[in-house]
Amino acid sequence: QMQLVESGGGLVQPGGSLNLFCIVSGFALNYYRVGWFRQAPGKEPEGVAKIARDRSTVYADSVKGRFTISRDNAKNTVYLQMNSLKPEETAVYYCNARLASTNFWGQGTQVIVSS
C-alpha cells in the first residue's frame, strides 16, 4: 500500500522552529521528486519547497533562508526544517511525492504559529 505519513506539526511560538517528517511506505522514495505544500484556512494551497532525485532544491520566496528540505532515501523519509516561523504560516502541511504523472499525498500535519 502506497502511503505518505507526515508528523512533527504542533503549536509553536512566533520565531520558533519545527521539524516536519514525511515517512513513505509502499514505494521507493529515491525515484521520486518530493515536495512540501501547505494550506492555510481559507486560502489556496501553496508550494513550500521541493527536492529532486539529485537533491537539488527549490523554495518559495517566502521561506528562503528559513526552511530547509532534505531527504534520506535509505530511510524513505523527507524532512522540512522550519525556523523563524511566522503566524501567517499557520497551515496544514502536506508531503507530496511525484514521478511523471504519478502523485502521492499524505494526510497532512497541522502547524500552528501563535503566542
Protein backbone atom coordinates (compact mmCIF):
# COMPACT_ATOMS: atom_id res chain seq x y z
CA GLN A 1 0.00 0.00 0.00
CA MET A 2 1.38 3.36 -1.09
CA GLN A 3 1.42 5.74 1.82
CA LEU A 4 2.93 9.02 2.99
CA VAL A 5 2.60 9.94 6.65
CA GLU A 6 3.52 13.38 7.90
CA SER A 7 4.37 14.19 11.50
CA GLY A 8 6.13 16.82 13.56
CA GLY A 9 3.49 19.52 13.45
CA GLY A 10 2.23 21.29 16.52
CA LEU A 11 1.95 24.59 18.30
CA VAL A 12 4.98 26.86 18.24
CA GLN A 13 5.54 30.48 19.18
CA PRO A 14 6.42 33.07 16.54
CA GLY A 15 10.11 32.87 15.84
CA GLY A 16 10.22 29.24 16.86
CA SER A 17 11.19 26.12 14.94
CA LEU A 18 9.65 22.83 13.93
CA ASN A 19 10.95 19.84 12.01
CA LEU A 20 8.41 18.03 9.89
CA PHE A 21 8.80 14.42 8.78
CA CYS A 22 7.27 12.56 5.86
CA ILE A 23 7.68 8.80 6.03
CA VAL A 24 6.99 6.89 2.83
CA SER A 25 5.95 3.25 2.55
CA GLY A 26 4.93 1.02 -0.30
CA PHE A 27 7.26 2.52 -2.88
CA ALA A 28 10.90 3.51 -3.23
CA LEU A 29 11.30 7.18 -2.48
CA ASN A 30 14.56 7.55 -4.38
CA TYR A 31 12.76 7.59 -7.75
CA TYR A 32 10.51 10.48 -6.80
CA ARG A 33 10.68 14.24 -6.57
CA VAL A 34 9.28 15.23 -3.18
CA GLY A 35 7.74 18.46 -2.04
CA TRP A 36 6.06 20.11 0.88
CA PHE A 37 2.89 22.14 0.41
CA ARG A 38 0.71 23.99 2.85
CA GLN A 39 -2.84 25.21 3.00
CA ALA A 40 -3.91 27.90 5.42
CA PRO A 41 -7.56 28.31 6.42
CA GLY A 42 -9.50 29.99 3.64
CA LYS A 43 -6.52 30.08 1.29
CA GLU A 44 -5.33 28.20 -1.75
CA PRO A 45 -2.64 25.55 -1.33
CA GLU A 46 0.88 26.74 -1.98
CA GLY A 47 4.16 25.02 -2.62
CA VAL A 48 6.74 25.49 0.10
CA ALA A 49 9.78 23.51 -1.01
CA LYS A 50 10.73 20.62 -3.23
CA ILE A 51 13.72 18.34 -3.62
CA ALA A 52 14.59 16.41 -6.74
CA ARG A 53 16.19 13.00 -7.12
CA ASP A 54 19.57 14.69 -7.47
CA ARG A 55 18.83 16.57 -4.21
CA SER A 56 18.57 19.94 -5.93
CA THR A 57 16.08 22.11 -4.09
CA VAL A 58 13.61 24.88 -4.82
CA TYR A 59 11.95 27.08 -2.22
CA ALA A 60 9.10 29.53 -2.20
CA ASP A 61 10.43 33.07 -1.88
CA SER A 62 8.60 33.49 1.42
CA VAL A 63 10.58 30.69 3.11
CA LYS A 64 14.03 31.04 1.57
CA GLY A 65 16.73 31.18 4.20
CA ARG A 66 14.40 29.88 6.92
CA PHE A 67 13.22 26.45 5.70
CA THR A 68 15.34 23.51 4.64
CA ILE A 69 14.07 20.44 2.81
CA SER A 70 16.11 17.25 2.82
CA ARG A 71 15.67 13.57 2.09
CA ASP A 72 17.06 10.27 3.32
CA ASN A 73 16.22 7.71 0.68
CA ALA A 74 17.57 4.84 2.78
CA LYS A 75 15.00 5.71 5.45
CA ASN A 76 12.30 6.61 2.91
CA THR A 77 11.92 9.89 4.75
CA VAL A 78 11.71 13.55 3.77
CA TYR A 79 12.25 16.38 6.23
CA LEU A 80 11.30 20.03 6.41
CA GLN A 81 13.20 22.07 8.96
CA MET A 82 11.32 25.30 9.62
CA ASN A 83 12.92 28.17 11.50
CA SER A 84 11.77 31.67 12.42
CA LEU A 85 8.16 30.70 11.95
CA LYS A 86 5.54 33.39 11.47
CA PRO A 87 1.87 33.41 12.50
CA GLU A 88 0.80 33.60 8.85
CA GLU A 89 2.48 30.24 8.30
CA THR A 90 -0.20 28.52 10.32
CA ALA A 91 -1.47 25.83 7.97
CA VAL A 92 -1.79 22.15 7.31
CA TYR A 93 1.46 20.97 5.76
CA TYR A 94 1.35 18.17 3.21
CA CYS A 95 4.02 15.96 1.73
CA ASN A 96 3.86 15.04 -1.96
CA ALA A 97 5.86 12.50 -3.97
CA ARG A 98 5.76 12.79 -7.74
CA LEU A 99 7.09 10.72 -10.62
CA ALA A 100 5.82 11.68 -14.08
CA SER A 101 2.02 11.54 -13.81
CA THR A 102 2.03 9.62 -10.53
CA ASN A 103 1.31 11.67 -7.42
CA PHE A 104 1.09 10.55 -3.83
CA TRP A 105 -0.13 12.78 -1.00
CA GLY A 106 -0.10 12.45 2.73
CA GLN A 107 -2.92 13.43 5.08
CA GLY A 108 -1.10 16.47 6.40
CA THR A 109 0.18 17.71 9.72
CA GLN A 110 -1.13 20.84 11.42
CA VAL A 111 1.27 23.67 12.23
CA ILE A 112 0.03 26.50 14.43
CA VAL A 113 2.24 29.52 14.98
CA SER A 114 0.83 31.55 17.82
CA SER A 115 1.79 33.17 21.10
